[in-house]
Amino acid sequence: MDGPRVSRINVTAVKSLRLQHPDEVELGMDGAQDDRRFLLVDDGGRLYNGKRDTMLVRASASWDRAAHVLGVTLPDGEVVEAEVARAAPARVEVYGRIVEGTVVRGPWADALSDLAGRSLTLVERSNGAWAADARPATLVSRASLGVIDGDGRRFRMLFEVDGVERLDEEAWTGQRVRIGGATLVVGEPTPRCAVPSASPDTGVRDRDVLRELIAARGAVDGEACLGVYADILEPGAVRVGDAVEVV
């Protein structure tokens, strides 16, 4: 198969927990269906994510949409699973915008509070909102990850793409890109935070990725960037192996 292809999909039902890699996702106007469906907030109602606690990646989540059942697997292998029960409305600031949602009742908040060592509440975002990043979709080429010999899981981008030269996805800014059954409008390069400097398996900081990026490729508008943002122009299914084409 010639040309760029989707090589990996990265999602998680609970924001900042370990990534899952499905073979297919349904892409809507608000991003991949059920990606970052749930998010954690502290006792002040502030988003509690990987920027604040990289150790959250030691836990993983599964979401059964049909049964409305959420499962969280803790570092010791214990699985906390129950049907989600909605409680009070909630509003959470995520990257400078307000995400509407609902506090959910169940055993997961207590389990993740024990993991984090502080009181946390679990919120289910509303349909039509997204909690993934500043935009509902992101993508990065495997060649760009190779600029610093990077593991794509560190960067937590929605799509990883093979068959693109290093950093060439940044040249797609402002253009429409067909990816599987969906069409995206590619945005600006994605500024990186400190999260990629932590191991995606243990959460322990083992690199200085921001410094490595700037040394390897220079700064973009004064920031360490890798990958690009995207908005969804036309929803559709995206599968591993699907073609990626600038249209």
C-alpha atoms as a PDB file:
ATOM      1  CA  MET A   1       0.000   0.000   0.000  1.00  0.00           C
ATOM      2  CA  ASP A   2       1.487   3.300  -1.121  1.00  0.00           C
ATOM      3  CA  GLY A   3       0.993   6.676   0.500  1.00  0.00           C
ATOM      4  CA  PRO A   4       0.328   7.768   4.083  1.00  0.00           C
ATOM      5  CA  ARG A   5      -1.691   5.401   6.266  1.00  0.00           C
ATOM      6  CA  VAL A   6      -3.078   5.403   9.793  1.00  0.00           C
ATOM      7  CA  SER A   7      -0.668   3.301  11.832  1.00  0.00           C
ATOM      8  CA  ARG A   8      -2.125   3.619  15.330  1.00  0.00           C
ATOM      9  CA  ILE A   9      -5.128   5.096  17.117  1.00  0.00           C
ATOM     10  CA  ASN A  10      -4.770   6.352  20.704  1.00  0.00           C
ATOM     11  CA  VAL A  11      -7.796   6.867  22.965  1.00  0.00           C
ATOM     12  CA  THR A  12      -8.784   6.524  26.598  1.00  0.00           C
ATOM     13  CA  ALA A  13     -12.216   6.504  28.219  1.00  0.00           C
ATOM     14  CA  VAL A  14     -10.914   8.476  31.217  1.00  0.00           C
ATOM     15  CA  LYS A  15      -8.713  11.453  30.472  1.00  0.00           C
ATOM     16  CA  SER A  16      -5.028  10.998  31.456  1.00  0.00           C
ATOM     17  CA  LEU A  17      -5.309   7.257  32.122  1.00  0.00           C
ATOM     18  CA  ARG A  18      -3.311   4.761  30.033  1.00  0.00           C
ATOM     19  CA  LEU A  19      -4.062   4.805  26.313  1.00  0.00           C
ATOM     20  CA  GLN A  20      -5.959   2.097  24.466  1.00  0.00           C
ATOM     21  CA  HIS A  21      -5.340   1.299  20.796  1.00  0.00           C
ATOM     22  CA  PRO A  22      -8.518   0.221  18.996  1.00  0.00           C
ATOM     23  CA  ASP A  23      -8.476  -0.875  15.351  1.00  0.00           C
ATOM     24  CA  GLU A  24     -11.281   1.561  14.537  1.00  0.00           C
ATOM     25  CA  VAL A  25     -12.957   4.688  15.896  1.00  0.00           C
ATOM     26  CA  GLU A  26     -16.023   6.614  14.835  1.00  0.00           C
ATOM     27  CA  LEU A  27     -15.043  10.241  14.350  1.00  0.00           C
ATOM     28  CA  GLY A  28     -17.729  12.855  15.040  1.00  0.00           C
ATOM     29  CA  MET A  29     -17.638  16.620  15.097  1.00  0.00           C
ATOM     30  CA  ASP A  30     -16.519  16.372  18.748  1.00  0.00           C
ATOM     31  CA  GLY A  31     -13.680  13.926  18.035  1.00  0.00           C
ATOM     32  CA  ALA A  32     -13.427  10.174  18.451  1.00  0.00           C
ATOM     33  CA  GLN A  33     -16.583   8.743  19.965  1.00  0.00           C
ATOM     34  CA  ASP A  34     -16.222   8.306  23.738  1.00  0.00           C
ATOM     35  CA  ASP A  35     -12.561   9.322  23.772  1.00  0.00           C
ATOM     36  CA  ARG A  36     -11.935  11.132  27.083  1.00  0.00           C
ATOM     37  CA  ARG A  37     -15.596  10.493  27.896  1.00  0.00           C
ATOM     38  CA  PHE A  38     -14.768  10.968  31.572  1.00  0.00           C
ATOM     39  CA  LEU A  39     -12.453  13.393  33.321  1.00  0.00           C
ATOM     40  CA  LEU A  40     -11.276  13.918  36.872  1.00  0.00           C
ATOM     41  CA  VAL A  41     -11.611  17.083  38.930  1.00  0.00           C
ATOM     42  CA  ASP A  42     -10.203  17.926  42.336  1.00  0.00           C
ATOM     43  CA  ASP A  43     -12.165  19.131  45.353  1.00  0.00           C
ATOM     44  CA  GLY A  44     -12.001  22.677  43.974  1.00  0.00           C
ATOM     45  CA  GLY A  45     -13.617  21.617  40.695  1.00  0.00           C
ATOM     46  CA  ARG A  46     -10.358  22.049  38.766  1.00  0.00           C
ATOM     47  CA  LEU A  47      -9.328  19.576  36.075  1.00  0.00           C
ATOM     48  CA  TYR A  48      -6.960  16.936  37.431  1.00  0.00           C
ATOM     49  CA  ASN A  49      -4.993  15.530  34.542  1.00  0.00           C
ATOM     50  CA  GLY A  50      -1.599  14.223  33.454  1.00  0.00           C
ATOM     51  CA  LYS A  51      -0.071  17.680  33.551  1.00  0.00           C
ATOM     52  CA  ARG A  52      -0.697  17.670  37.283  1.00  0.00           C
ATOM     53  CA  ASP A  53      -0.084  13.977  37.922  1.00  0.00           C
ATOM     54  CA  THR A  54       1.714  11.828  35.356  1.00  0.00           C
ATOM     55  CA  MET A  55       1.223   8.780  37.580  1.00  0.00           C
ATOM     56  CA  LEU A  56      -2.399   8.508  36.422  1.00  0.00           C
ATOM     57  CA  VAL A  57      -1.148   6.433  33.462  1.00  0.00           C
ATOM     58  CA  ARG A  58      -0.632   3.513  35.846  1.00  0.00           C
ATOM     59  CA  ALA A  59      -4.407   2.956  35.662  1.00  0.00           C
ATOM     60  CA  SER A  60      -6.454   2.171  32.563  1.00  0.00           C
ATOM     61  CA  ALA A  61     -10.138   2.356  31.693  1.00  0.00           C
ATOM     62  CA  SER A  62     -12.665   0.484  29.560  1.00  0.00           C
ATOM     63  CA  TRP A  63     -16.074   1.782  28.521  1.00  0.00           C
ATOM     64  CA  ASP A  64     -19.041  -0.295  27.379  1.00  0.00           C
ATOM     65  CA  ARG A  65     -21.202   2.311  25.682  1.00  0.00           C
ATOM     66  CA  ALA A  66     -24.213   0.047  25.141  1.00  0.00           C
ATOM     67  CA  ALA A  67     -24.354  -1.138  28.760  1.00  0.00           C
ATOM     68  CA  HIS A  68     -23.152   2.227  30.141  1.00  0.00           C
ATOM     69  CA  VAL A  69     -20.556   0.379  32.218  1.00  0.00           C
ATOM     70  CA  LEU A  70     -17.183   1.866  33.107  1.00  0.00           C
ATOM     71  CA  GLY A  71     -14.275  -0.240  34.295  1.00  0.00           C
ATOM     72  CA  VAL A  72     -11.017   1.031  35.769  1.00  0.00           C
ATOM     73  CA  THR A  73      -8.014  -1.266  36.157  1.00  0.00           C
ATOM     74  CA  LEU A  74      -5.686  -0.178  38.963  1.00  0.00           C
ATOM     75  CA  PRO A  75      -1.906  -0.705  39.043  1.00  0.00           C
ATOM     76  CA  ASP A  76      -2.238  -3.830  41.212  1.00  0.00           C
ATOM     77  CA  GLY A  77      -4.604  -5.401  38.674  1.00  0.00           C
ATOM     78  CA  GLU A  78      -7.796  -4.789  40.644  1.00  0.00           C
ATOM     79  CA  VAL A  79     -10.726  -3.916  38.357  1.00  0.00           C
ATOM     80  CA  VAL A  80     -13.351  -1.477  39.607  1.00  0.00           C
ATOM     81  CA  GLU A  81     -16.426  -1.775  37.397  1.00  0.00           C
ATOM     82  CA  ALA A  82     -20.021  -0.585  37.627  1.00  0.00           C
ATOM     83  CA  GLU A  83     -22.824   0.992  35.668  1.00  0.00           C
ATOM     84  CA  VAL A  84     -22.511   4.752  35.509  1.00  0.00           C
ATOM     85  CA  ALA A  85     -25.169   6.682  37.439  1.00  0.00           C
ATOM     86  CA  ARG A  86     -25.438  10.396  36.701  1.00  0.00           C
ATOM     87  CA  ALA A  87     -25.750  12.887  39.539  1.00  0.00           C
ATOM     88  CA  ALA A  88     -25.372  16.689  39.518  1.00  0.00           C
ATOM     89  CA  PRO A  89     -24.491  18.863  36.498  1.00  0.00           C
ATOM     90  CA  ALA A  90     -20.875  20.000  36.294  1.00  0.00           C
ATOM     91  CA  ARG A  91     -18.827  22.538  34.361  1.00  0.00           C
ATOM     92  CA  VAL A  92     -15.088  21.953  33.980  1.00  0.00           C
ATOM     93  CA  GLU A  93     -12.524  24.277  32.447  1.00  0.00           C
ATOM     94  CA  VAL A  94     -10.443  22.327  29.927  1.00  0.00           C
ATOM     95  CA  TYR A  95      -7.657  24.176  28.119  1.00  0.00           C
ATOM     96  CA  GLY A  96      -9.389  27.523  28.501  1.00  0.00           C
ATOM     97  CA  ARG A  97     -12.909  26.469  27.516  1.00  0.00           C
ATOM     98  CA  ILE A  98     -15.853  25.237  29.579  1.00  0.00           C
ATOM     99  CA  VAL A  99     -16.876  21.594  29.101  1.00  0.00           C
ATOM    100  CA  GLU A 100     -20.401  20.774  30.257  1.00  0.00           C
ATOM    101  CA  GLY A 101     -20.943  17.455  31.960  1.00  0.00           C
ATOM    102  CA  THR A 102     -22.393  15.487  34.837  1.00  0.00           C
ATOM    103  CA  VAL A 103     -20.874  14.182  38.050  1.00  0.00           C
ATOM    104  CA  VAL A 104     -21.184  10.399  38.091  1.00  0.00           C
ATOM    105  CA  ARG A 105     -21.753   8.155  41.079  1.00  0.00           C
ATOM    106  CA  GLY A 106     -19.800   4.936  41.409  1.00  0.00           C
ATOM    107  CA  PRO A 107     -16.678   3.345  42.898  1.00  0.00           C
ATOM    108  CA  TRP A 108     -14.108   4.785  40.452  1.00  0.00           C
ATOM    109  CA  ALA A 109     -13.608   8.182  42.067  1.00  0.00           C
ATOM    110  CA  ASP A 110     -12.640   6.641  45.402  1.00  0.00           C
ATOM    111  CA  ALA A 111     -10.259   4.199  43.699  1.00  0.00           C
ATOM    112  CA  LEU A 112      -8.567   6.943  41.678  1.00  0.00           C
ATOM    113  CA  SER A 113      -8.491   9.222  44.721  1.00  0.00           C
ATOM    114  CA  ASP A 114      -6.512   6.555  46.546  1.00  0.00           C
ATOM    115  CA  LEU A 115      -4.165   6.291  43.563  1.00  0.00           C
ATOM    116  CA  ALA A 116      -3.626  10.056  43.415  1.00  0.00           C
ATOM    117  CA  GLY A 117      -3.541  10.599  47.181  1.00  0.00           C
ATOM    118  CA  ARG A 118      -6.205  13.299  47.054  1.00  0.00           C
ATOM    119  CA  SER A 119      -9.980  13.630  46.770  1.00  0.00           C
ATOM    120  CA  LEU A 120     -11.161  13.402  43.162  1.00  0.00           C
ATOM    121  CA  THR A 121     -14.542  13.426  41.450  1.00  0.00           C
ATOM    122  CA  LEU A 122     -15.368  11.791  38.128  1.00  0.00           C
ATOM    123  CA  VAL A 123     -17.298  13.809  35.525  1.00  0.00           C
ATOM    124  CA  GLU A 124     -18.869  12.497  32.324  1.00  0.00           C
ATOM    125  CA  ARG A 125     -18.689  15.112  29.579  1.00  0.00           C
ATOM    126  CA  SER A 126     -21.807  15.908  27.588  1.00  0.00           C
ATOM    127  CA  ASN A 127     -22.244  14.827  23.976  1.00  0.00           C
ATOM    128  CA  GLY A 128     -20.969  17.514  21.637  1.00  0.00           C
ATOM    129  CA  ALA A 129     -18.133  18.511  23.968  1.00  0.00           C
ATOM    130  CA  TRP A 130     -14.586  17.223  23.824  1.00  0.00           C
ATOM    131  CA  ALA A 131     -11.955  16.919  26.529  1.00  0.00           C
ATOM    132  CA  ALA A 132      -9.080  15.565  24.452  1.00  0.00           C
ATOM    133  CA  ASP A 133      -7.145  18.771  23.768  1.00  0.00           C
ATOM    134  CA  ALA A 134      -7.563  22.318  22.473  1.00  0.00           C
ATOM    135  CA  ARG A 135      -9.121  20.837  19.292  1.00  0.00           C
ATOM    136  CA  PRO A 136     -11.150  17.639  18.885  1.00  0.00           C
ATOM    137  CA  ALA A 137      -8.508  15.756  16.872  1.00  0.00           C
ATOM    138  CA  THR A 138      -4.726  15.542  16.644  1.00  0.00           C
ATOM    139  CA  LEU A 139      -2.298  13.634  14.463  1.00  0.00           C
ATOM    140  CA  VAL A 140       1.445  13.053  14.209  1.00  0.00           C
ATOM    141  CA  SER A 141       3.607  11.131  11.765  1.00  0.00           C
ATOM    142  CA  ARG A 142       5.843   8.296  12.886  1.00  0.00           C
ATOM    143  CA  ALA A 143       8.716  10.074  11.110  1.00  0.00           C
ATOM    144  CA  SER A 144       8.168  13.164  13.264  1.00  0.00           C
ATOM    145  CA  LEU A 145       8.194  11.017  16.387  1.00  0.00           C
ATOM    146  CA  GLY A 146      11.553   9.761  15.171  1.00  0.00           C
ATOM    147  CA  VAL A 147      12.988  13.271  15.409  1.00  0.00           C
ATOM    148  CA  ILE A 148      13.709  12.424  19.055  1.00  0.00           C
ATOM    149  CA  ASP A 149      13.252   8.653  18.847  1.00  0.00           C
ATOM    150  CA  GLY A 150       9.895   9.172  20.516  1.00  0.00           C
ATOM    151  CA  ASP A 151       7.279   6.665  21.642  1.00  0.00           C
ATOM    152  CA  GLY A 152       3.970   7.907  20.253  1.00  0.00           C
ATOM    153  CA  ARG A 153       2.209   7.021  23.495  1.00  0.00           C
ATOM    154  CA  ARG A 154       4.091   9.817  25.226  1.00  0.00           C
ATOM    155  CA  PHE A 155       2.427  12.416  23.018  1.00  0.00           C
ATOM    156  CA  ARG A 156      -1.110  11.014  23.291  1.00  0.00           C
ATOM    157  CA  MET A 157      -2.183  12.100  19.799  1.00  0.00           C
ATOM    158  CA  LEU A 158      -5.378  10.632  18.348  1.00  0.00           C
ATOM    159  CA  PHE A 159      -3.820   9.371  15.100  1.00  0.00           C
ATOM    160  CA  GLU A 160      -0.312   8.250  14.247  1.00  0.00           C
ATOM    161  CA  VAL A 161       0.488   8.146  10.537  1.00  0.00           C
ATOM    162  CA  ASP A 162       3.084   6.236   8.489  1.00  0.00           C
ATOM    163  CA  GLY A 163       4.340   7.282   5.071  1.00  0.00           C
ATOM    164  CA  VAL A 164       4.882  10.982   5.813  1.00  0.00           C
ATOM    165  CA  GLU A 165       8.295  12.638   5.923  1.00  0.00           C
ATOM    166  CA  ARG A 166       9.373  14.135   9.246  1.00  0.00           C
ATOM    167  CA  LEU A 167       7.409  17.271  10.177  1.00  0.00           C
ATOM    168  CA  ASP A 168       5.605  17.312   6.813  1.00  0.00           C
ATOM    169  CA  GLU A 169       2.216  17.181   8.552  1.00  0.00           C
ATOM    170  CA  GLU A 170       2.874  20.763   9.660  1.00  0.00           C
ATOM    171  CA  ALA A 171       2.730  21.764   5.960  1.00  0.00           C
ATOM    172  CA  TRP A 172      -0.912  20.576   5.939  1.00  0.00           C
ATOM    173  CA  THR A 173      -2.023  23.494   8.137  1.00  0.00           C
ATOM    174  CA  GLY A 174      -5.184  25.020   6.666  1.00  0.00           C
ATOM    175  CA  GLN A 175      -5.755  22.106   4.303  1.00  0.00           C
ATOM    176  CA  ARG A 176      -8.385  19.397   4.201  1.00  0.00           C
ATOM    177  CA  VAL A 177      -7.145  15.881   4.843  1.00  0.00           C
ATOM    178  CA  ARG A 178      -9.182  12.774   4.117  1.00  0.00           C
ATOM    179  CA  ILE A 179      -8.508  10.103   6.713  1.00  0.00           C
ATOM    180  CA  GLY A 180     -10.512   6.934   6.304  1.00  0.00           C
ATOM    181  CA  GLY A 181     -14.176   7.907   6.054  1.00  0.00           C
ATOM    182  CA  ALA A 182     -13.693  11.320   7.660  1.00  0.00           C
ATOM    183  CA  THR A 183     -12.344  14.667   6.508  1.00  0.00           C
ATOM    184  CA  LEU A 184     -10.283  16.918   8.779  1.00  0.00           C
ATOM    185  CA  VAL A 185      -9.137  20.504   8.511  1.00  0.00           C
ATOM    186  CA  VAL A 186      -5.576  20.573   9.823  1.00  0.00           C
ATOM    187  CA  GLY A 187      -4.630  23.324  12.260  1.00  0.00           C
ATOM    188  CA  GLU A 188      -1.449  24.622  13.823  1.00  0.00           C
ATOM    189  CA  PRO A 189       1.431  22.578  15.269  1.00  0.00           C
ATOM    190  CA  THR A 190       0.702  21.256  18.755  1.00  0.00           C
ATOM    191  CA  PRO A 191       2.663  22.818  21.631  1.00  0.00           C
ATOM    192  CA  ARG A 192       3.913  20.159  24.011  1.00  0.00           C
ATOM    193  CA  CYS A 193       3.705  20.161  27.797  1.00  0.00           C
ATOM    194  CA  ALA A 194       5.790  18.187  30.281  1.00  0.00           C
ATOM    195  CA  VAL A 195       3.674  15.007  29.956  1.00  0.00           C
ATOM    196  CA  PRO A 196       5.801  13.385  27.182  1.00  0.00           C
ATOM    197  CA  SER A 197       8.801  13.502  29.510  1.00  0.00           C
ATOM    198  CA  ALA A 198       7.147  10.819  31.678  1.00  0.00           C
ATOM    199  CA  SER A 199       7.109   7.120  30.832  1.00  0.00           C
ATOM    200  CA  PRO A 200       3.710   6.098  29.381  1.00  0.00           C
ATOM    201  CA  ASP A 201       3.966   2.867  31.388  1.00  0.00           C
ATOM    202  CA  THR A 202       5.049   4.063  34.835  1.00  0.00           C
ATOM    203  CA  GLY A 203       4.390   7.802  34.845  1.00  0.00           C
ATOM    204  CA  VAL A 204       7.929   8.414  36.100  1.00  0.00           C
ATOM    205  CA  ARG A 205       9.784  11.287  34.421  1.00  0.00           C
ATOM    206  CA  ASP A 206      12.689   9.705  32.543  1.00  0.00           C
ATOM    207  CA  ARG A 207      13.431  12.271  29.800  1.00  0.00           C
ATOM    208  CA  ASP A 208      13.378  16.001  29.104  1.00  0.00           C
ATOM    209  CA  VAL A 209      11.332  15.869  25.898  1.00  0.00           C
ATOM    210  CA  LEU A 210      10.778  19.620  25.600  1.00  0.00           C
ATOM    211  CA  ARG A 211      14.503  20.258  25.639  1.00  0.00           C
ATOM    212  CA  GLU A 212      15.093  17.373  23.208  1.00  0.00           C
ATOM    213  CA  LEU A 213      12.499  18.685  20.765  1.00  0.00           C
ATOM    214  CA  ILE A 214      13.888  22.202  20.692  1.00  0.00           C
ATOM    215  CA  ALA A 215      17.413  20.873  20.258  1.00  0.00           C
ATOM    216  CA  ALA A 216      16.372  18.530  17.423  1.00  0.00           C
ATOM    217  CA  ARG A 217      13.999  20.699  15.409  1.00  0.00           C
ATOM    218  CA  GLY A 218      13.990  24.185  16.929  1.00  0.00           C
ATOM    219  CA  ALA A 219      11.120  26.077  18.517  1.00  0.00           C
ATOM    220  CA  VAL A 220       7.853  26.956  16.733  1.00  0.00           C
ATOM    221  CA  ASP A 221       6.688  30.408  17.795  1.00  0.00           C
ATOM    222  CA  GLY A 222       8.853  29.998  20.873  1.00  0.00           C
ATOM    223  CA  GLU A 223       7.426  26.603  21.882  1.00  0.00           C
ATOM    224  CA  ALA A 224       8.385  22.942  21.620  1.00  0.00           C
ATOM    225  CA  CYS A 225       5.884  21.465  19.147  1.00  0.00           C
ATOM    226  CA  LEU A 226       5.192  18.071  17.613  1.00  0.00           C
ATOM    227  CA  GLY A 227       2.157  16.945  15.626  1.00  0.00           C
ATOM    228  CA  VAL A 228      -0.811  19.065  14.580  1.00  0.00           C
ATOM    229  CA  TYR A 229      -4.299  19.944  15.732  1.00  0.00           C
ATOM    230  CA  ALA A 230      -7.336  19.258  13.534  1.00  0.00           C
ATOM    231  CA  ASP A 231     -11.053  19.978  13.348  1.00  0.00           C
ATOM    232  CA  ILE A 232     -13.544  17.556  11.856  1.00  0.00           C
ATOM    233  CA  LEU A 233     -15.204  18.734   8.658  1.00  0.00           C
ATOM    234  CA  GLU A 234     -16.950  15.471   7.776  1.00  0.00           C
ATOM    235  CA  PRO A 235     -17.513  12.697  10.367  1.00  0.00           C
ATOM    236  CA  GLY A 236     -16.837   9.058   9.578  1.00  0.00           C
ATOM    237  CA  ALA A 237     -15.137   5.847  10.609  1.00  0.00           C
ATOM    238  CA  VAL A 238     -11.340   5.684  10.734  1.00  0.00           C
ATOM    239  CA  ARG A 239      -9.471   2.381  10.851  1.00  0.00           C
ATOM    240  CA  VAL A 240      -5.841   1.391  11.249  1.00  0.00           C
ATOM    241  CA  GLY A 241      -4.471   1.060   7.718  1.00  0.00           C
ATOM    242  CA  ASP A 242      -6.797   3.666   6.202  1.00  0.00           C
ATOM    243  CA  ALA A 243      -5.339   6.075   3.673  1.00  0.00           C
ATOM    244  CA  VAL A 244      -4.506   9.652   4.676  1.00  0.00           C
ATOM    245  CA  GLU A 245      -4.770  12.063   1.752  1.00  0.00           C
ATOM    246  CA  VAL A 246      -4.525  15.834   1.406  1.00  0.00           C
ATOM    247  CA  VAL A 247      -7.565  16.822  -0.676  1.00  0.00           C
END
